[in-house]
Amino acid sequence: RYEVREFCLFGGWTNTWSHEENGKTIPTTYDTEEDAEAELKYFFKQMRKAKRNKEIKGVPDTEDFRVEEVGND
């Protein structure tokens, strides 16, 4: 399993991506590294589009995100 992790000043590398499942917030994980990388690429594509449309002021720094393998809890 893989996660997209974001560097947070007080928490270090943290999975900040989640989804709702049966009323609970569940951290998002991916079956393959390629799936996680594709999702991260799509995220930045959407951020650049939002900036062009003046919906946001700036795009997050790509260096603040990475894909990391996690255990199979």
C-alpha atoms as a PDB file:
ATOM      1  CA  ARG A   1       0.000   0.000   0.000  1.00  0.00           C
ATOM      2  CA  TYR A   2       1.082   3.549  -0.682  1.00  0.00           C
ATOM      3  CA  GLU A   3       0.155   6.999   0.600  1.00  0.00           C
ATOM      4  CA  VAL A   4       0.609  10.525  -0.643  1.00  0.00           C
ATOM      5  CA  ARG A   5       2.284  12.357   2.222  1.00  0.00           C
ATOM      6  CA  GLU A   6       2.647  16.078   2.782  1.00  0.00           C
ATOM      7  CA  PHE A   7       5.356  17.702   4.867  1.00  0.00           C
ATOM      8  CA  CYS A   8       3.758  19.504   7.817  1.00  0.00           C
ATOM      9  CA  LEU A   9       5.838  21.793   9.993  1.00  0.00           C
ATOM     10  CA  PHE A  10       4.731  20.226  13.280  1.00  0.00           C
ATOM     11  CA  GLY A  11       3.975  16.686  12.136  1.00  0.00           C
ATOM     12  CA  GLY A  12       6.642  15.881   9.566  1.00  0.00           C
ATOM     13  CA  TRP A  13       5.587  13.685   6.627  1.00  0.00           C
ATOM     14  CA  THR A  14       1.868  13.006   7.139  1.00  0.00           C
ATOM     15  CA  ASN A  15      -0.935  11.498   5.085  1.00  0.00           C
ATOM     16  CA  THR A  16      -3.335  14.456   4.948  1.00  0.00           C
ATOM     17  CA  TRP A  17      -5.499  12.903   2.183  1.00  0.00           C
ATOM     18  CA  SER A  18      -8.681  11.160   3.262  1.00  0.00           C
ATOM     19  CA  HIS A  19     -12.152  10.094   2.163  1.00  0.00           C
ATOM     20  CA  GLU A  20     -15.482   9.387   3.858  1.00  0.00           C
ATOM     21  CA  GLU A  21     -16.595   5.791   4.327  1.00  0.00           C
ATOM     22  CA  ASN A  22     -19.711   4.883   6.312  1.00  0.00           C
ATOM     23  CA  GLY A  23     -19.599   8.249   8.078  1.00  0.00           C
ATOM     24  CA  LYS A  24     -15.939   7.838   9.082  1.00  0.00           C
ATOM     25  CA  THR A  25     -12.919   9.700   7.765  1.00  0.00           C
ATOM     26  CA  ILE A  26     -10.426   7.165   6.384  1.00  0.00           C
ATOM     27  CA  PRO A  27      -6.851   7.995   5.281  1.00  0.00           C
ATOM     28  CA  THR A  28      -6.548   7.465   1.523  1.00  0.00           C
ATOM     29  CA  THR A  29      -4.155   4.734   0.408  1.00  0.00           C
ATOM     30  CA  TYR A  30      -3.377   3.251  -3.008  1.00  0.00           C
ATOM     31  CA  ASP A  31      -2.690  -0.316  -4.089  1.00  0.00           C
ATOM     32  CA  THR A  32       0.326   0.617  -6.202  1.00  0.00           C
ATOM     33  CA  GLU A  33       2.988   3.279  -6.242  1.00  0.00           C
ATOM     34  CA  GLU A  34       1.893   4.144  -9.784  1.00  0.00           C
ATOM     35  CA  ASP A  35      -1.681   4.818  -8.621  1.00  0.00           C
ATOM     36  CA  ALA A  36      -0.452   7.136  -5.862  1.00  0.00           C
ATOM     37  CA  GLU A  37       1.916   8.950  -8.251  1.00  0.00           C
ATOM     38  CA  ALA A  38      -0.924   9.390 -10.775  1.00  0.00           C
ATOM     39  CA  GLU A  39      -3.189  10.856  -8.094  1.00  0.00           C
ATOM     40  CA  LEU A  40      -0.469  13.267  -6.986  1.00  0.00           C
ATOM     41  CA  LYS A  41       0.136  14.314 -10.590  1.00  0.00           C
ATOM     42  CA  TYR A  42      -3.609  14.902 -11.054  1.00  0.00           C
ATOM     43  CA  PHE A  43      -3.697  16.966  -7.835  1.00  0.00           C
ATOM     44  CA  PHE A  44      -1.014  19.329  -9.133  1.00  0.00           C
ATOM     45  CA  LYS A  45      -2.715  19.546 -12.519  1.00  0.00           C
ATOM     46  CA  GLN A  46      -5.926  20.637 -10.756  1.00  0.00           C
ATOM     47  CA  MET A  47      -4.010  23.140  -8.599  1.00  0.00           C
ATOM     48  CA  ARG A  48      -2.381  24.735 -11.670  1.00  0.00           C
ATOM     49  CA  LYS A  49      -5.792  24.965 -13.351  1.00  0.00           C
ATOM     50  CA  ALA A  50      -7.312  26.596 -10.254  1.00  0.00           C
ATOM     51  CA  LYS A  51      -4.475  29.140 -10.187  1.00  0.00           C
ATOM     52  CA  ARG A  52      -4.989  29.975 -13.879  1.00  0.00           C
ATOM     53  CA  ASN A  53      -8.701  30.457 -13.150  1.00  0.00           C
ATOM     54  CA  LYS A  54      -7.777  32.707 -10.202  1.00  0.00           C
ATOM     55  CA  GLU A  55      -9.525  30.369  -7.760  1.00  0.00           C
ATOM     56  CA  ILE A  56      -6.367  30.128  -5.643  1.00  0.00           C
ATOM     57  CA  LYS A  57      -3.345  32.421  -5.299  1.00  0.00           C
ATOM     58  CA  GLY A  58      -0.593  29.843  -5.493  1.00  0.00           C
ATOM     59  CA  VAL A  59       0.151  26.196  -6.178  1.00  0.00           C
ATOM     60  CA  PRO A  60       1.597  24.091  -3.337  1.00  0.00           C
ATOM     61  CA  ASP A  61       5.300  23.272  -3.657  1.00  0.00           C
ATOM     62  CA  THR A  62       5.853  19.831  -5.190  1.00  0.00           C
ATOM     63  CA  GLU A  63       8.760  19.261  -2.779  1.00  0.00           C
ATOM     64  CA  ASP A  64       6.262  19.234   0.100  1.00  0.00           C
ATOM     65  CA  PHE A  65       4.629  16.031  -1.221  1.00  0.00           C
ATOM     66  CA  ARG A  66       5.859  12.497  -1.785  1.00  0.00           C
ATOM     67  CA  VAL A  67       4.588   8.956  -2.243  1.00  0.00           C
ATOM     68  CA  GLU A  68       5.590   6.520   0.469  1.00  0.00           C
ATOM     69  CA  GLU A  69       5.037   2.804   0.981  1.00  0.00           C
ATOM     70  CA  VAL A  70       3.124   1.906   4.148  1.00  0.00           C
ATOM     71  CA  GLY A  71       2.259  -1.321   5.948  1.00  0.00           C
ATOM     72  CA  ASN A  72      -0.796  -3.467   5.208  1.00  0.00           C
ATOM     73  CA  ASP A  73      -2.628  -2.755   8.468  1.00  0.00           C
END
